[in-house]
């Protein structure tokens, strides 16, 4: 059964795919979880915009444990 497969990926227009024999179905309200990390240099201060972004991040997502 070579050539068979399934994939789940972000919304990429099928028009950009070179293969016309593909079938796509939109997933309705999928529950997707992924780890997201915030990395910064410890020895450098952040700009006011970066500080605001992190503050908003913590309000929306929450502070990681251990901080």
PDB file of N, CA and C in Angstrom:
ATOM      1  N   UNK A   1       0.830  -1.191   0.000  1.00  0.00           N
ATOM      2  CA  UNK A   1       0.000   0.000   0.000  1.00  0.00           C
ATOM      3  C   UNK A   1       0.870   1.248   0.000  1.00  0.00           C
ATOM      4  N   UNK A   2       1.868   1.288  -0.808  1.00  0.00           N
ATOM      5  CA  UNK A   2       2.735   2.458  -0.880  1.00  0.00           C
ATOM      6  C   UNK A   2       1.991   3.684  -1.378  1.00  0.00           C
ATOM      7  N   UNK A   3       2.442   4.849  -0.919  1.00  0.00           N
ATOM      8  CA  UNK A   3       1.862   6.098  -1.379  1.00  0.00           C
ATOM      9  C   UNK A   3       0.663   6.568  -0.603  1.00  0.00           C
ATOM     10  N   UNK A   4       0.279   5.862   0.470  1.00  0.00           N
ATOM     11  CA  UNK A   4      -0.853   6.284   1.277  1.00  0.00           C
ATOM     12  C   UNK A   4      -0.355   7.008   2.512  1.00  0.00           C
ATOM     13  N   UNK A   5      -1.081   8.016   2.958  1.00  0.00           N
ATOM     14  CA  UNK A   5      -0.687   8.729   4.163  1.00  0.00           C
ATOM     15  C   UNK A   5      -1.717   9.763   4.546  1.00  0.00           C
ATOM     16  N   UNK A   6      -1.518  10.326   5.706  1.00  0.00           N
ATOM     17  CA  UNK A   6      -2.391  11.374   6.213  1.00  0.00           C
ATOM     18  C   UNK A   6      -1.513  12.381   6.944  1.00  0.00           C
ATOM     19  N   UNK A   7      -1.897  13.643   6.906  1.00  0.00           N
ATOM     20  CA  UNK A   7      -1.132  14.683   7.596  1.00  0.00           C
ATOM     21  C   UNK A   7      -2.092  15.734   8.127  1.00  0.00           C
ATOM     22  N   UNK A   8      -1.722  16.307   9.238  1.00  0.00           N
ATOM     23  CA  UNK A   8      -2.450  17.446   9.797  1.00  0.00           C
ATOM     24  C   UNK A   8      -1.462  18.600   9.835  1.00  0.00           C
ATOM     25  N   UNK A   9      -1.849  19.738   9.246  1.00  0.00           N
ATOM     26  CA  UNK A   9      -0.943  20.873   9.180  1.00  0.00           C
ATOM     27  C   UNK A   9      -1.735  22.164   9.228  1.00  0.00           C
ATOM     28  N   UNK A  10      -1.065  23.293   9.515  1.00  0.00           N
ATOM     29  CA  UNK A  10      -1.763  24.579   9.546  1.00  0.00           C
ATOM     30  C   UNK A  10      -2.384  24.879   8.189  1.00  0.00           C
ATOM     31  N   UNK A  11      -3.338  25.785   8.197  1.00  0.00           N
ATOM     32  CA  UNK A  11      -4.058  26.108   6.968  1.00  0.00           C
ATOM     33  C   UNK A  11      -3.162  26.660   5.876  1.00  0.00           C
ATOM     34  N   UNK A  12      -2.760  25.808   4.982  1.00  0.00           N
ATOM     35  CA  UNK A  12      -1.975  26.196   3.818  1.00  0.00           C
ATOM     36  C   UNK A  12      -2.885  25.989   2.612  1.00  0.00           C
ATOM     37  N   UNK A  13      -3.028  26.988   1.777  1.00  0.00           N
ATOM     38  CA  UNK A  13      -3.928  26.826   0.626  1.00  0.00           C
ATOM     39  C   UNK A  13      -3.508  25.653  -0.255  1.00  0.00           C
ATOM     40  N   UNK A  14      -4.471  24.825  -0.585  1.00  0.00           N
ATOM     41  CA  UNK A  14      -4.167  23.676  -1.439  1.00  0.00           C
ATOM     42  C   UNK A  14      -3.723  24.099  -2.826  1.00  0.00           C
ATOM     43  N   UNK A  15      -4.067  25.316  -3.216  1.00  0.00           N
ATOM     44  CA  UNK A  15      -3.642  25.791  -4.527  1.00  0.00           C
ATOM     45  C   UNK A  15      -2.118  25.851  -4.625  1.00  0.00           C
ATOM     46  N   UNK A  16      -1.440  25.970  -3.481  1.00  0.00           N
ATOM     47  CA  UNK A  16       0.022  26.039  -3.500  1.00  0.00           C
ATOM     48  C   UNK A  16       0.664  24.657  -3.576  1.00  0.00           C
ATOM     49  N   UNK A  17      -0.127  23.599  -3.471  1.00  0.00           N
ATOM     50  CA  UNK A  17       0.404  22.241  -3.553  1.00  0.00           C
ATOM     51  C   UNK A  17       0.580  21.860  -5.017  1.00  0.00           C
ATOM     52  N   UNK A  18       1.690  21.188  -5.348  1.00  0.00           N
ATOM     53  CA  UNK A  18       1.890  20.789  -6.742  1.00  0.00           C
ATOM     54  C   UNK A  18       1.055  19.574  -7.147  1.00  0.00           C
ATOM     55  N   UNK A  19       0.512  18.843  -6.181  1.00  0.00           N
ATOM     56  CA  UNK A  19      -0.223  17.614  -6.489  1.00  0.00           C
ATOM     57  C   UNK A  19      -1.726  17.881  -6.499  1.00  0.00           C
ATOM     58  N   UNK A  20      -2.360  17.568  -7.590  1.00  0.00           N
ATOM     59  CA  UNK A  20      -3.807  17.776  -7.712  1.00  0.00           C
ATOM     60  C   UNK A  20      -4.604  16.570  -7.232  1.00  0.00           C
ATOM     61  N   UNK A  21      -3.930  15.491  -6.860  1.00  0.00           N
ATOM     62  CA  UNK A  21      -4.643  14.294  -6.424  1.00  0.00           C
ATOM     63  C   UNK A  21      -4.787  14.229  -4.908  1.00  0.00           C
ATOM     64  N   UNK A  22      -4.535  15.339  -4.216  1.00  0.00           N
ATOM     65  CA  UNK A  22      -4.694  15.391  -2.762  1.00  0.00           C
ATOM     66  C   UNK A  22      -6.100  15.833  -2.396  1.00  0.00           C
ATOM     67  N   UNK A  23      -6.608  15.330  -1.301  1.00  0.00           N
ATOM     68  CA  UNK A  23      -7.909  15.731  -0.777  1.00  0.00           C
ATOM     69  C   UNK A  23      -7.677  16.343   0.594  1.00  0.00           C
ATOM     70  N   UNK A  24      -8.283  17.494   0.839  1.00  0.00           N
ATOM     71  CA  UNK A  24      -8.129  18.164   2.135  1.00  0.00           C
ATOM     72  C   UNK A  24      -9.489  18.334   2.784  1.00  0.00           C
ATOM     73  N   UNK A  25      -9.520  18.185   4.082  1.00  0.00           N
ATOM     74  CA  UNK A  25     -10.731  18.407   4.869  1.00  0.00           C
ATOM     75  C   UNK A  25     -10.369  19.304   6.040  1.00  0.00           C
ATOM     76  N   UNK A  26     -11.158  20.340   6.252  1.00  0.00           N
ATOM     77  CA  UNK A  26     -10.928  21.250   7.370  1.00  0.00           C
ATOM     78  C   UNK A  26     -11.378  20.578   8.661  1.00  0.00           C
ATOM     79  N   UNK A  27     -10.555  20.665   9.699  1.00  0.00           N
ATOM     80  CA  UNK A  27     -10.921  20.162  11.023  1.00  0.00           C
ATOM     81  C   UNK A  27     -11.696  21.258  11.738  1.00  0.00           C
ATOM     82  N   UNK A  28     -12.878  20.956  12.177  1.00  0.00           N
ATOM     83  CA  UNK A  28     -13.706  21.939  12.864  1.00  0.00           C
ATOM     84  C   UNK A  28     -13.347  21.982  14.343  1.00  0.00           C
ATOM     85  N   UNK A  29     -12.936  23.141  14.816  1.00  0.00           N
ATOM     86  CA  UNK A  29     -12.611  23.398  16.225  1.00  0.00           C
ATOM     87  C   UNK A  29     -11.687  22.329  16.814  1.00  0.00           C
ATOM     88  N   UNK A  30     -10.545  22.102  16.173  1.00  0.00           N
ATOM     89  CA  UNK A  30      -9.641  21.096  16.732  1.00  0.00           C
ATOM     90  C   UNK A  30      -8.993  21.602  18.021  1.00  0.00           C
ATOM     91  N   UNK A  31      -8.748  20.696  18.934  1.00  0.00           N
ATOM     92  CA  UNK A  31      -8.016  21.033  20.151  1.00  0.00           C
ATOM     93  C   UNK A  31      -6.545  20.736  19.887  1.00  0.00           C
ATOM     94  N   UNK A  32      -5.764  21.783  19.808  1.00  0.00           N
ATOM     95  CA  UNK A  32      -4.348  21.639  19.513  1.00  0.00           C
ATOM     96  C   UNK A  32      -3.560  22.222  20.673  1.00  0.00           C
ATOM     97  N   UNK A  33      -2.604  21.476  21.164  1.00  0.00           N
ATOM     98  CA  UNK A  33      -1.747  21.956  22.247  1.00  0.00           C
ATOM     99  C   UNK A  33      -0.292  21.840  21.812  1.00  0.00           C
ATOM    100  N   UNK A  34       0.484  22.817  22.201  1.00  0.00           N
ATOM    101  CA  UNK A  34       1.915  22.759  21.918  1.00  0.00           C
ATOM    102  C   UNK A  34       2.655  23.532  22.986  1.00  0.00           C
ATOM    103  N   UNK A  35       3.882  23.145  23.200  1.00  0.00           N
ATOM    104  CA  UNK A  35       4.735  23.874  24.124  1.00  0.00           C
ATOM    105  C   UNK A  35       5.249  25.129  23.438  1.00  0.00           C
ATOM    106  N   UNK A  36       5.181  26.229  24.145  1.00  0.00           N
ATOM    107  CA  UNK A  36       5.698  27.498  23.649  1.00  0.00           C
ATOM    108  C   UNK A  36       6.668  28.017  24.693  1.00  0.00           C
ATOM    109  N   UNK A  37       7.815  28.463  24.253  1.00  0.00           N
ATOM    110  CA  UNK A  37       8.844  28.924  25.177  1.00  0.00           C
ATOM    111  C   UNK A  37       9.172  30.385  24.936  1.00  0.00           C
ATOM    112  N   UNK A  38       9.474  31.062  25.987  1.00  0.00           N
ATOM    113  CA  UNK A  38       9.915  32.452  25.937  1.00  0.00           C
ATOM    114  C   UNK A  38      11.368  32.448  26.389  1.00  0.00           C
ATOM    115  N   UNK A  39      12.258  32.863  25.518  1.00  0.00           N
ATOM    116  CA  UNK A  39      13.690  32.823  25.811  1.00  0.00           C
ATOM    117  C   UNK A  39      14.243  34.241  25.719  1.00  0.00           C
ATOM    118  N   UNK A  40      15.082  34.578  26.679  1.00  0.00           N
ATOM    119  CA  UNK A  40      15.739  35.886  26.655  1.00  0.00           C
ATOM    120  C   UNK A  40      17.101  35.763  27.293  1.00  0.00           C
ATOM    121  N   UNK A  41      17.957  36.706  27.013  1.00  0.00           N
ATOM    122  CA  UNK A  41      19.282  36.728  27.622  1.00  0.00           C
ATOM    123  C   UNK A  41      19.169  37.286  29.028  1.00  0.00           C
ATOM    124  N   UNK A  42      19.708  36.561  29.970  1.00  0.00           N
ATOM    125  CA  UNK A  42      19.603  36.956  31.376  1.00  0.00           C
ATOM    126  C   UNK A  42      20.379  38.237  31.664  1.00  0.00           C
ATOM    127  N   UNK A  43      21.472  38.470  30.960  1.00  0.00           N
ATOM    128  CA  UNK A  43      22.320  39.618  31.274  1.00  0.00           C
ATOM    129  C   UNK A  43      21.895  40.908  30.570  1.00  0.00           C
ATOM    130  N   UNK A  44      20.848  40.860  29.750  1.00  0.00           N
ATOM    131  CA  UNK A  44      20.395  42.054  29.026  1.00  0.00           C
ATOM    132  C   UNK A  44      19.020  42.482  29.514  1.00  0.00           C
ATOM    133  N   UNK A  45      18.841  43.794  29.607  1.00  0.00           N
ATOM    134  CA  UNK A  45      17.509  44.293  29.963  1.00  0.00           C
ATOM    135  C   UNK A  45      16.636  44.289  28.707  1.00  0.00           C
ATOM    136  N   UNK A  46      15.330  44.260  28.923  1.00  0.00           N
ATOM    137  CA  UNK A  46      14.383  44.220  27.812  1.00  0.00           C
ATOM    138  C   UNK A  46      13.877  45.617  27.495  1.00  0.00           C
ATOM    139  N   UNK A  47      13.468  45.808  26.262  1.00  0.00           N
ATOM    140  CA  UNK A  47      12.857  47.074  25.865  1.00  0.00           C
ATOM    141  C   UNK A  47      11.482  47.181  26.514  1.00  0.00           C
ATOM    142  N   UNK A  48      10.932  48.395  26.624  1.00  0.00           N
ATOM    143  CA  UNK A  48       9.577  48.533  27.164  1.00  0.00           C
ATOM    144  C   UNK A  48       8.550  47.712  26.373  1.00  0.00           C
ATOM    145  N   UNK A  49       8.712  47.626  25.063  1.00  0.00           N
ATOM    146  CA  UNK A  49       7.776  46.837  24.251  1.00  0.00           C
ATOM    147  C   UNK A  49       7.873  45.357  24.609  1.00  0.00           C
ATOM    148  N   UNK A  50       9.091  44.857  24.800  1.00  0.00           N
ATOM    149  CA  UNK A  50       9.270  43.452  25.166  1.00  0.00           C
ATOM    150  C   UNK A  50       8.707  43.182  26.557  1.00  0.00           C
ATOM    151  N   UNK A  51       8.924  44.098  27.490  1.00  0.00           N
ATOM    152  CA  UNK A  51       8.364  43.956  28.843  1.00  0.00           C
ATOM    153  C   UNK A  51       6.842  43.902  28.784  1.00  0.00           C
ATOM    154  N   UNK A  52       6.238  44.766  27.965  1.00  0.00           N
ATOM    155  CA  UNK A  52       4.776  44.773  27.813  1.00  0.00           C
ATOM    156  C   UNK A  52       4.280  43.468  27.208  1.00  0.00           C
ATOM    157  N   UNK A  53       5.016  42.960  26.232  1.00  0.00           N
ATOM    158  CA  UNK A  53       4.640  41.692  25.612  1.00  0.00           C
ATOM    159  C   UNK A  53       4.649  40.572  26.639  1.00  0.00           C
ATOM    160  N   UNK A  54       5.699  40.504  27.451  1.00  0.00           N
ATOM    161  CA  UNK A  54       5.797  39.446  28.460  1.00  0.00           C
ATOM    162  C   UNK A  54       4.687  39.588  29.491  1.00  0.00           C
ATOM    163  N   UNK A  55       4.388  40.813  29.884  1.00  0.00           N
ATOM    164  CA  UNK A  55       3.295  41.039  30.840  1.00  0.00           C
ATOM    165  C   UNK A  55       1.972  40.551  30.260  1.00  0.00           C
ATOM    166  N   UNK A  56       1.705  40.869  29.001  1.00  0.00           N
ATOM    167  CA  UNK A  56       0.483  40.403  28.336  1.00  0.00           C
ATOM    168  C   UNK A  56       0.488  38.880  28.226  1.00  0.00           C
ATOM    169  N   UNK A  57       1.624  38.321  27.886  1.00  0.00           N
ATOM    170  CA  UNK A  57       1.784  36.863  27.790  1.00  0.00           C
ATOM    171  C   UNK A  57       1.372  36.204  29.098  1.00  0.00           C
ATOM    172  N   UNK A  58       1.907  36.703  30.220  1.00  0.00           N
ATOM    173  CA  UNK A  58       1.601  36.114  31.522  1.00  0.00           C
ATOM    174  C   UNK A  58       0.126  36.269  31.884  1.00  0.00           C
ATOM    175  N   UNK A  59      -0.484  37.376  31.490  1.00  0.00           N
ATOM    176  CA  UNK A  59      -1.914  37.576  31.771  1.00  0.00           C
ATOM    177  C   UNK A  59      -2.767  36.596  30.976  1.00  0.00           C
ATOM    178  N   UNK A  60      -2.402  36.369  29.724  1.00  0.00           N
ATOM    179  CA  UNK A  60      -3.205  35.504  28.853  1.00  0.00           C
ATOM    180  C   UNK A  60      -2.937  34.018  29.076  1.00  0.00           C
ATOM    181  N   UNK A  61      -1.673  33.664  29.242  1.00  0.00           N
ATOM    182  CA  UNK A  61      -1.293  32.256  29.309  1.00  0.00           C
ATOM    183  C   UNK A  61      -0.971  31.820  30.729  1.00  0.00           C
ATOM    184  N   UNK A  62      -0.495  32.739  31.535  1.00  0.00           N
ATOM    185  CA  UNK A  62      -0.108  32.420  32.902  1.00  0.00           C
ATOM    186  C   UNK A  62       1.397  32.288  33.036  1.00  0.00           C
ATOM    187  N   UNK A  63       1.869  32.529  34.225  1.00  0.00           N
ATOM    188  CA  UNK A  63       3.302  32.391  34.493  1.00  0.00           C
ATOM    189  C   UNK A  63       3.653  30.919  34.615  1.00  0.00           C
ATOM    190  N   UNK A  64       4.801  30.550  34.086  1.00  0.00           N
ATOM    191  CA  UNK A  64       5.229  29.164  34.250  1.00  0.00           C
ATOM    192  C   UNK A  64       5.550  28.863  35.709  1.00  0.00           C
ATOM    193  N   UNK A  65       5.390  27.630  36.093  1.00  0.00           N
ATOM    194  CA  UNK A  65       5.731  27.256  37.462  1.00  0.00           C
ATOM    195  C   UNK A  65       7.236  27.387  37.650  1.00  0.00           C
ATOM    196  N   UNK A  66       7.636  27.713  38.849  1.00  0.00           N
ATOM    197  CA  UNK A  66       9.052  27.847  39.146  1.00  0.00           C
ATOM    198  C   UNK A  66       9.591  29.247  38.982  1.00  0.00           C
ATOM    199  N   UNK A  67       8.755  30.203  38.590  1.00  0.00           N
ATOM    200  CA  UNK A  67       9.222  31.590  38.465  1.00  0.00           C
ATOM    201  C   UNK A  67       8.779  32.406  39.644  1.00  0.00           C
TER     202      UNK A  67
END
